[in-house]
Amino acid sequence: MRWDGAVTFGDYWLGYTGKTDQTSAHAHVAIQLCIGLQLDVTVEFTDHALTAAGVLIGPSVDHCSLPSPGRVAVLYFYPDAPLGRALNALLDERGKASVSADIVDCVRQASSFHEVVASLERKLVTADSFDTRLSNALDLLREDCAGVGAVSRAASAVGLSSPRLRYFATRQMGVPLSQWIIWRKLERACHALAHAASLSDAAMAGGFADQAHLTRMMRRMVGMSPSRVAMVLRNSSDSFKNQQF
């Protein structure tokens, strides 16, 4: 990777390269791939630590990052994306895994995150049976995730009841639909923070009740405060800043 300390956002993923700091324990919706670009990385879980050249962390798995002795590349993938589901299949029963050498090399030898994602897709993604009704409902929720009754509207539009839609989401993504929606709202708030919005304005942009609500969700799912996240995001790539949410 050619540059440090910045974030690149794709359609269903985000990547960071640089040094990492200590985070508090957290669990997010995304599947996280953490690769040491020169040295091994260490991730602490509830009852143990895992040190390897590359560590894969599943949705809803409590963990925290330790300060890195060298540069790392960290990628987060949505659980509804084909590559996210392919990586999810590599996890053990506790939702973690050391990744194979070819995946580590794929990241270390790439010049950009877009190149990494394309390479991983070629290696890992095959045809699967993701329910088209769920896929269509998630597309609707991307536009309407902060609105009251959004789940009911999306479910009705694809011919499902709200409980059935929630069931399909948990079964096929491995995370509750409510948590996917919060992660999406955090992405909206992060977009505002990257454009120098205040914390209260970012909370409004994300559809949170207030700044305190944003802070609680950010700490729970990212392990950092919104102000700390904003410092990183304001050095983010134009690919993110130019996206529409």
C-alpha atoms as a PDB file:
ATOM      1  CA  MET A   1       0.000   0.000   0.000  1.00  0.00           C
ATOM      2  CA  ARG A   2       1.331   3.394  -0.979  1.00  0.00           C
ATOM      3  CA  TRP A   3      -0.077   5.685   1.658  1.00  0.00           C
ATOM      4  CA  ASP A   4      -0.712   5.663   5.379  1.00  0.00           C
ATOM      5  CA  GLY A   5      -3.254   6.818   7.899  1.00  0.00           C
ATOM      6  CA  ALA A   6      -6.191   7.141   5.519  1.00  0.00           C
ATOM      7  CA  VAL A   7      -9.398   5.293   4.743  1.00  0.00           C
ATOM      8  CA  THR A   8     -10.675   4.130   1.357  1.00  0.00           C
ATOM      9  CA  PHE A   9     -14.355   3.264   0.922  1.00  0.00           C
ATOM     10  CA  GLY A  10     -15.765   0.948  -1.719  1.00  0.00           C
ATOM     11  CA  ASP A  11     -19.362  -0.004  -2.407  1.00  0.00           C
ATOM     12  CA  TYR A  12     -19.479  -2.703   0.283  1.00  0.00           C
ATOM     13  CA  TRP A  13     -16.115  -2.430   2.020  1.00  0.00           C
ATOM     14  CA  LEU A  14     -13.691  -0.015   3.597  1.00  0.00           C
ATOM     15  CA  GLY A  15      -9.964  -0.260   4.082  1.00  0.00           C
ATOM     16  CA  TYR A  16      -7.374   1.423   6.299  1.00  0.00           C
ATOM     17  CA  THR A  17      -3.601   1.217   6.071  1.00  0.00           C
ATOM     18  CA  GLY A  18      -1.094   2.560   8.590  1.00  0.00           C
ATOM     19  CA  LYS A  19      -0.379   2.104  12.272  1.00  0.00           C
ATOM     20  CA  THR A  20      -3.102   0.993  14.679  1.00  0.00           C
ATOM     21  CA  ASP A  21      -3.745   2.206  18.204  1.00  0.00           C
ATOM     22  CA  GLN A  22      -5.362   0.478  21.145  1.00  0.00           C
ATOM     23  CA  THR A  23      -9.131   0.236  20.822  1.00  0.00           C
ATOM     24  CA  SER A  24     -11.650  -0.663  23.464  1.00  0.00           C
ATOM     25  CA  ALA A  25     -13.478  -3.994  23.192  1.00  0.00           C
ATOM     26  CA  HIS A  26     -16.120  -3.844  20.492  1.00  0.00           C
ATOM     27  CA  ALA A  27     -18.097  -5.977  18.052  1.00  0.00           C
ATOM     28  CA  HIS A  28     -19.256  -4.861  14.638  1.00  0.00           C
ATOM     29  CA  VAL A  29     -21.422  -6.103  11.822  1.00  0.00           C
ATOM     30  CA  ALA A  30     -18.635  -6.262   9.276  1.00  0.00           C
ATOM     31  CA  ILE A  31     -16.256  -9.122   8.617  1.00  0.00           C
ATOM     32  CA  GLN A  32     -12.805  -7.713   9.419  1.00  0.00           C
ATOM     33  CA  LEU A  33      -9.575  -8.762   7.733  1.00  0.00           C
ATOM     34  CA  CYS A  34      -6.423  -7.497   9.446  1.00  0.00           C
ATOM     35  CA  ILE A  35      -3.046  -8.070   7.744  1.00  0.00           C
ATOM     36  CA  GLY A  36       0.400  -7.097   9.016  1.00  0.00           C
ATOM     37  CA  LEU A  37       2.249  -5.560   6.080  1.00  0.00           C
ATOM     38  CA  GLN A  38       5.671  -6.375   7.549  1.00  0.00           C
ATOM     39  CA  LEU A  39       5.076  -8.027  10.931  1.00  0.00           C
ATOM     40  CA  ASP A  40       2.422 -10.199  12.547  1.00  0.00           C
ATOM     41  CA  VAL A  41      -0.652  -8.591  14.070  1.00  0.00           C
ATOM     42  CA  THR A  42      -2.280  -9.398  17.406  1.00  0.00           C
ATOM     43  CA  VAL A  43      -5.998  -9.234  18.112  1.00  0.00           C
ATOM     44  CA  GLU A  44      -7.359  -9.755  21.622  1.00  0.00           C
ATOM     45  CA  PHE A  45     -10.600 -11.680  22.018  1.00  0.00           C
ATOM     46  CA  THR A  46     -12.636 -12.226  25.168  1.00  0.00           C
ATOM     47  CA  ASP A  47     -10.601 -15.180  26.443  1.00  0.00           C
ATOM     48  CA  HIS A  48      -7.404 -15.208  24.390  1.00  0.00           C
ATOM     49  CA  ALA A  49      -5.198 -13.340  21.924  1.00  0.00           C
ATOM     50  CA  LEU A  50      -4.425 -14.386  18.356  1.00  0.00           C
ATOM     51  CA  THR A  51      -1.135 -13.428  16.697  1.00  0.00           C
ATOM     52  CA  ALA A  52      -0.637 -14.162  13.005  1.00  0.00           C
ATOM     53  CA  ALA A  53       0.309 -12.558   9.706  1.00  0.00           C
ATOM     54  CA  GLY A  54      -3.406 -12.164   9.047  1.00  0.00           C
ATOM     55  CA  VAL A  55      -6.444 -12.414  11.303  1.00  0.00           C
ATOM     56  CA  LEU A  56     -10.078 -12.673  10.223  1.00  0.00           C
ATOM     57  CA  ILE A  57     -12.809 -11.547  12.651  1.00  0.00           C
ATOM     58  CA  GLY A  58     -16.470 -12.354  12.204  1.00  0.00           C
ATOM     59  CA  PRO A  59     -19.601 -10.308  12.880  1.00  0.00           C
ATOM     60  CA  SER A  60     -20.644  -9.736  16.500  1.00  0.00           C
ATOM     61  CA  VAL A  61     -17.340 -11.076  17.873  1.00  0.00           C
ATOM     62  CA  ASP A  62     -15.965  -9.032  20.789  1.00  0.00           C
ATOM     63  CA  HIS A  63     -12.343  -8.039  20.227  1.00  0.00           C
ATOM     64  CA  CYS A  64      -9.903  -5.187  20.524  1.00  0.00           C
ATOM     65  CA  SER A  65      -6.849  -4.150  18.547  1.00  0.00           C
ATOM     66  CA  LEU A  66      -3.446  -3.612  20.088  1.00  0.00           C
ATOM     67  CA  PRO A  67      -0.965  -0.926  19.010  1.00  0.00           C
ATOM     68  CA  SER A  68       0.805  -2.279  15.934  1.00  0.00           C
ATOM     69  CA  PRO A  69       4.606  -2.434  15.785  1.00  0.00           C
ATOM     70  CA  GLY A  70       4.429  -2.051  12.011  1.00  0.00           C
ATOM     71  CA  ARG A  71       2.032  -0.969   9.304  1.00  0.00           C
ATOM     72  CA  VAL A  72      -1.169  -2.920   8.889  1.00  0.00           C
ATOM     73  CA  ALA A  73      -3.930  -3.151   6.320  1.00  0.00           C
ATOM     74  CA  VAL A  74      -7.437  -3.525   7.723  1.00  0.00           C
ATOM     75  CA  LEU A  75     -10.487  -4.235   5.579  1.00  0.00           C
ATOM     76  CA  TYR A  76     -14.136  -4.403   6.620  1.00  0.00           C
ATOM     77  CA  PHE A  77     -16.729  -6.135   4.439  1.00  0.00           C
ATOM     78  CA  TYR A  78     -20.512  -5.989   4.681  1.00  0.00           C
ATOM     79  CA  PRO A  79     -21.951  -9.426   5.574  1.00  0.00           C
ATOM     80  CA  ASP A  80     -24.469  -9.244   2.712  1.00  0.00           C
ATOM     81  CA  ALA A  81     -21.787  -8.789   0.054  1.00  0.00           C
ATOM     82  CA  PRO A  82     -20.589 -11.910  -1.816  1.00  0.00           C
ATOM     83  CA  LEU A  83     -17.002 -11.430  -0.647  1.00  0.00           C
ATOM     84  CA  GLY A  84     -18.147 -10.825   2.919  1.00  0.00           C
ATOM     85  CA  ARG A  85     -20.083 -14.095   2.854  1.00  0.00           C
ATOM     86  CA  ALA A  86     -17.119 -15.935   1.321  1.00  0.00           C
ATOM     87  CA  LEU A  87     -14.813 -14.695   4.077  1.00  0.00           C
ATOM     88  CA  ASN A  88     -17.442 -15.508   6.706  1.00  0.00           C
ATOM     89  CA  ALA A  89     -17.274 -19.140   5.562  1.00  0.00           C
ATOM     90  CA  LEU A  90     -13.575 -19.250   6.529  1.00  0.00           C
ATOM     91  CA  LEU A  91     -14.246 -18.478  10.210  1.00  0.00           C
ATOM     92  CA  ASP A  92     -14.097 -21.128  12.923  1.00  0.00           C
ATOM     93  CA  GLU A  93     -16.954 -21.831  15.322  1.00  0.00           C
ATOM     94  CA  ARG A  94     -15.905 -18.901  17.524  1.00  0.00           C
ATOM     95  CA  GLY A  95     -15.964 -16.438  14.648  1.00  0.00           C
ATOM     96  CA  LYS A  96     -12.225 -15.972  14.072  1.00  0.00           C
ATOM     97  CA  ALA A  97      -9.418 -17.442  11.983  1.00  0.00           C
ATOM     98  CA  SER A  98      -5.794 -17.055  10.964  1.00  0.00           C
ATOM     99  CA  VAL A  99      -5.869 -16.482   7.229  1.00  0.00           C
ATOM    100  CA  SER A 100      -3.933 -18.416   4.619  1.00  0.00           C
ATOM    101  CA  ALA A 101      -0.615 -17.290   3.179  1.00  0.00           C
ATOM    102  CA  ASP A 102      -2.133 -16.604  -0.235  1.00  0.00           C
ATOM    103  CA  ILE A 103      -4.609 -14.123   1.255  1.00  0.00           C
ATOM    104  CA  VAL A 104      -1.801 -12.426   3.187  1.00  0.00           C
ATOM    105  CA  ASP A 105       0.287 -12.200   0.002  1.00  0.00           C
ATOM    106  CA  CYS A 106      -2.710 -10.868  -1.911  1.00  0.00           C
ATOM    107  CA  VAL A 107      -2.831  -7.896   0.459  1.00  0.00           C
ATOM    108  CA  ARG A 108       0.890  -7.364   0.917  1.00  0.00           C
ATOM    109  CA  GLN A 109       1.652  -7.354  -2.804  1.00  0.00           C
ATOM    110  CA  ALA A 110      -1.187  -5.050  -3.844  1.00  0.00           C
ATOM    111  CA  SER A 111      -0.821  -1.345  -4.567  1.00  0.00           C
ATOM    112  CA  SER A 112      -4.405  -0.404  -3.632  1.00  0.00           C
ATOM    113  CA  PHE A 113      -7.416  -1.724  -1.758  1.00  0.00           C
ATOM    114  CA  HIS A 114      -9.383  -1.899  -5.002  1.00  0.00           C
ATOM    115  CA  GLU A 115      -6.734  -4.320  -6.290  1.00  0.00           C
ATOM    116  CA  VAL A 116      -6.975  -6.353  -3.069  1.00  0.00           C
ATOM    117  CA  VAL A 117     -10.766  -6.640  -3.280  1.00  0.00           C
ATOM    118  CA  ALA A 118     -10.700  -7.652  -6.942  1.00  0.00           C
ATOM    119  CA  SER A 119      -8.085 -10.323  -6.229  1.00  0.00           C
ATOM    120  CA  LEU A 120      -9.991 -11.698  -3.223  1.00  0.00           C
ATOM    121  CA  GLU A 121     -13.172 -11.859  -5.269  1.00  0.00           C
ATOM    122  CA  ARG A 122     -11.414 -13.933  -7.917  1.00  0.00           C
ATOM    123  CA  LYS A 123      -9.999 -16.291  -5.290  1.00  0.00           C
ATOM    124  CA  LEU A 124     -12.988 -16.725  -3.009  1.00  0.00           C
ATOM    125  CA  VAL A 125     -16.338 -15.755  -4.484  1.00  0.00           C
ATOM    126  CA  THR A 126     -18.518 -18.418  -6.079  1.00  0.00           C
ATOM    127  CA  ALA A 127     -22.214 -18.548  -6.870  1.00  0.00           C
ATOM    128  CA  ASP A 128     -24.338 -18.769  -3.736  1.00  0.00           C
ATOM    129  CA  SER A 129     -27.970 -18.880  -2.707  1.00  0.00           C
ATOM    130  CA  PHE A 130     -28.436 -15.464  -1.095  1.00  0.00           C
ATOM    131  CA  ASP A 131     -32.178 -14.848  -1.035  1.00  0.00           C
ATOM    132  CA  THR A 132     -33.150 -12.262  -3.654  1.00  0.00           C
ATOM    133  CA  ARG A 133     -35.956 -10.956  -1.447  1.00  0.00           C
ATOM    134  CA  LEU A 134     -33.438 -10.186   1.285  1.00  0.00           C
ATOM    135  CA  SER A 135     -31.082  -8.591  -1.227  1.00  0.00           C
ATOM    136  CA  ASN A 136     -33.871  -6.371  -2.554  1.00  0.00           C
ATOM    137  CA  ALA A 137     -35.003  -5.458   0.973  1.00  0.00           C
ATOM    138  CA  LEU A 138     -31.463  -4.432   1.923  1.00  0.00           C
ATOM    139  CA  ASP A 139     -31.283  -2.222  -1.163  1.00  0.00           C
ATOM    140  CA  LEU A 140     -34.456  -0.478  -0.001  1.00  0.00           C
ATOM    141  CA  LEU A 141     -33.124  -0.122   3.541  1.00  0.00           C
ATOM    142  CA  ARG A 142     -29.966   1.537   2.263  1.00  0.00           C
ATOM    143  CA  GLU A 143     -32.209   4.378   1.155  1.00  0.00           C
ATOM    144  CA  ASP A 144     -34.620   4.288   4.088  1.00  0.00           C
ATOM    145  CA  CYS A 145     -32.699   2.770   7.027  1.00  0.00           C
ATOM    146  CA  ALA A 146     -33.191   5.720   9.376  1.00  0.00           C
ATOM    147  CA  GLY A 147     -36.911   6.101   8.822  1.00  0.00           C
ATOM    148  CA  VAL A 148     -39.611   4.967  11.229  1.00  0.00           C
ATOM    149  CA  GLY A 149     -41.180   1.773   9.929  1.00  0.00           C
ATOM    150  CA  ALA A 150     -38.387   1.212   7.390  1.00  0.00           C
ATOM    151  CA  VAL A 151     -38.203  -2.534   8.014  1.00  0.00           C
ATOM    152  CA  SER A 152     -41.947  -2.957   7.610  1.00  0.00           C
ATOM    153  CA  ARG A 153     -41.922  -1.007   4.348  1.00  0.00           C
ATOM    154  CA  ALA A 154     -38.995  -3.006   2.956  1.00  0.00           C
ATOM    155  CA  ALA A 155     -40.553  -6.308   4.009  1.00  0.00           C
ATOM    156  CA  SER A 156     -43.893  -5.432   2.426  1.00  0.00           C
ATOM    157  CA  ALA A 157     -42.217  -4.345  -0.811  1.00  0.00           C
ATOM    158  CA  VAL A 158     -40.547  -7.745  -1.253  1.00  0.00           C
ATOM    159  CA  GLY A 159     -43.538  -9.816  -0.151  1.00  0.00           C
ATOM    160  CA  LEU A 160     -42.384 -10.774   3.348  1.00  0.00           C
ATOM    161  CA  SER A 161     -43.562 -10.057   6.860  1.00  0.00           C
ATOM    162  CA  SER A 162     -41.206  -8.078   9.097  1.00  0.00           C
ATOM    163  CA  PRO A 163     -40.413 -11.128  11.321  1.00  0.00           C
ATOM    164  CA  ARG A 164     -39.689 -13.247   8.231  1.00  0.00           C
ATOM    165  CA  LEU A 165     -37.369 -10.597   6.801  1.00  0.00           C
ATOM    166  CA  ARG A 166     -35.514 -10.380  10.118  1.00  0.00           C
ATOM    167  CA  TYR A 167     -35.242 -14.176  10.195  1.00  0.00           C
ATOM    168  CA  PHE A 168     -33.745 -14.323   6.691  1.00  0.00           C
ATOM    169  CA  ALA A 169     -31.280 -11.555   7.550  1.00  0.00           C
ATOM    170  CA  THR A 170     -29.974 -13.290  10.671  1.00  0.00           C
ATOM    171  CA  ARG A 171     -29.787 -16.670   8.958  1.00  0.00           C
ATOM    172  CA  GLN A 172     -28.024 -15.530   5.793  1.00  0.00           C
ATOM    173  CA  MET A 173     -25.855 -12.681   7.069  1.00  0.00           C
ATOM    174  CA  GLY A 174     -25.091 -13.996  10.539  1.00  0.00           C
ATOM    175  CA  VAL A 175     -26.143 -10.721  12.184  1.00  0.00           C
ATOM    176  CA  PRO A 176     -29.535  -9.292  13.184  1.00  0.00           C
ATOM    177  CA  LEU A 177     -31.063  -6.861  10.725  1.00  0.00           C
ATOM    178  CA  SER A 178     -31.211  -4.228  13.468  1.00  0.00           C
ATOM    179  CA  GLN A 179     -27.423  -4.352  13.800  1.00  0.00           C
ATOM    180  CA  TRP A 180     -26.928  -4.122  10.038  1.00  0.00           C
ATOM    181  CA  ILE A 181     -29.083  -0.985  10.064  1.00  0.00           C
ATOM    182  CA  ILE A 182     -27.008   0.582  12.851  1.00  0.00           C
ATOM    183  CA  TRP A 183     -23.801  -0.159  10.931  1.00  0.00           C
ATOM    184  CA  ARG A 184     -25.322   1.516   7.883  1.00  0.00           C
ATOM    185  CA  LYS A 185     -26.316   4.532   9.995  1.00  0.00           C
ATOM    186  CA  LEU A 186     -22.760   4.737  11.318  1.00  0.00           C
ATOM    187  CA  GLU A 187     -21.526   4.825   7.734  1.00  0.00           C
ATOM    188  CA  ARG A 188     -23.810   7.771   7.027  1.00  0.00           C
ATOM    189  CA  ALA A 189     -22.538   9.564  10.137  1.00  0.00           C
ATOM    190  CA  CYS A 190     -18.939   8.857   9.131  1.00  0.00           C
ATOM    191  CA  HIS A 191     -19.583  10.373   5.723  1.00  0.00           C
ATOM    192  CA  ALA A 192     -20.700  13.560   7.464  1.00  0.00           C
ATOM    193  CA  LEU A 193     -17.687  13.517   9.806  1.00  0.00           C
ATOM    194  CA  ALA A 194     -15.343  13.175   6.830  1.00  0.00           C
ATOM    195  CA  HIS A 195     -16.840  16.410   5.503  1.00  0.00           C
ATOM    196  CA  ALA A 196     -16.084  18.216   8.786  1.00  0.00           C
ATOM    197  CA  ALA A 197     -19.600  18.056  10.198  1.00  0.00           C
ATOM    198  CA  SER A 198     -19.977  18.588  13.927  1.00  0.00           C
ATOM    199  CA  LEU A 199     -20.706  15.557  16.074  1.00  0.00           C
ATOM    200  CA  SER A 200     -24.313  16.631  16.541  1.00  0.00           C
ATOM    201  CA  ASP A 201     -24.799  17.175  12.792  1.00  0.00           C
ATOM    202  CA  ALA A 202     -23.174  13.807  12.057  1.00  0.00           C
ATOM    203  CA  ALA A 203     -25.566  12.145  14.481  1.00  0.00           C
ATOM    204  CA  MET A 204     -28.500  13.744  12.671  1.00  0.00           C
ATOM    205  CA  ALA A 205     -27.121  12.709   9.268  1.00  0.00           C
ATOM    206  CA  GLY A 206     -26.856   9.119  10.466  1.00  0.00           C
ATOM    207  CA  GLY A 207     -30.375   9.071  11.861  1.00  0.00           C
ATOM    208  CA  PHE A 208     -29.327   8.754  15.506  1.00  0.00           C
ATOM    209  CA  ALA A 209     -31.420  10.226  18.293  1.00  0.00           C
ATOM    210  CA  ASP A 210     -28.629  12.569  19.378  1.00  0.00           C
ATOM    211  CA  GLN A 211     -24.868  12.897  19.742  1.00  0.00           C
ATOM    212  CA  ALA A 212     -24.807  10.652  22.811  1.00  0.00           C
ATOM    213  CA  HIS A 213     -26.568   7.900  20.868  1.00  0.00           C
ATOM    214  CA  LEU A 214     -23.988   8.171  18.074  1.00  0.00           C
ATOM    215  CA  THR A 215     -21.162   7.996  20.614  1.00  0.00           C
ATOM    216  CA  ARG A 216     -22.559   4.860  22.264  1.00  0.00           C
ATOM    217  CA  MET A 217     -23.004   3.059  18.957  1.00  0.00           C
ATOM    218  CA  MET A 218     -19.600   4.142  17.658  1.00  0.00           C
ATOM    219  CA  ARG A 219     -17.849   2.866  20.771  1.00  0.00           C
ATOM    220  CA  ARG A 220     -19.839  -0.374  20.720  1.00  0.00           C
ATOM    221  CA  MET A 221     -19.181  -1.194  17.067  1.00  0.00           C
ATOM    222  CA  VAL A 222     -15.885   0.565  16.322  1.00  0.00           C
ATOM    223  CA  GLY A 223     -14.189   0.804  19.721  1.00  0.00           C
ATOM    224  CA  MET A 224     -13.442   4.511  19.316  1.00  0.00           C
ATOM    225  CA  SER A 225     -15.167   7.812  19.971  1.00  0.00           C
ATOM    226  CA  PRO A 226     -16.696   9.783  17.072  1.00  0.00           C
ATOM    227  CA  SER A 227     -14.126  12.561  17.529  1.00  0.00           C
ATOM    228  CA  ARG A 228     -11.274  10.077  17.176  1.00  0.00           C
ATOM    229  CA  VAL A 229     -12.911   8.485  14.137  1.00  0.00           C
ATOM    230  CA  ALA A 230     -13.351  11.952  12.605  1.00  0.00           C
ATOM    231  CA  MET A 231      -9.597  12.594  12.816  1.00  0.00           C
ATOM    232  CA  VAL A 232      -8.968   9.531  10.650  1.00  0.00           C
ATOM    233  CA  LEU A 233     -11.852  10.108   8.256  1.00  0.00           C
ATOM    234  CA  ARG A 234     -10.854  13.675   7.468  1.00  0.00           C
ATOM    235  CA  ASN A 235      -7.724  12.190   5.942  1.00  0.00           C
ATOM    236  CA  SER A 236      -9.853   9.701   4.008  1.00  0.00           C
ATOM    237  CA  SER A 237      -9.685   9.142   0.285  1.00  0.00           C
ATOM    238  CA  ASP A 238     -11.762  11.117  -2.177  1.00  0.00           C
ATOM    239  CA  SER A 239     -13.490   7.862  -3.117  1.00  0.00           C
ATOM    240  CA  PHE A 240     -15.384   8.105   0.163  1.00  0.00           C
ATOM    241  CA  LYS A 241     -15.898  11.836   0.217  1.00  0.00           C
ATOM    242  CA  ASN A 242     -17.462  11.772  -3.237  1.00  0.00           C
ATOM    243  CA  GLN A 243     -19.893   8.965  -2.476  1.00  0.00           C
ATOM    244  CA  GLN A 244     -23.575   9.686  -2.019  1.00  0.00           C
ATOM    245  CA  PHE A 245     -25.281   8.111   1.020  1.00  0.00           C
END
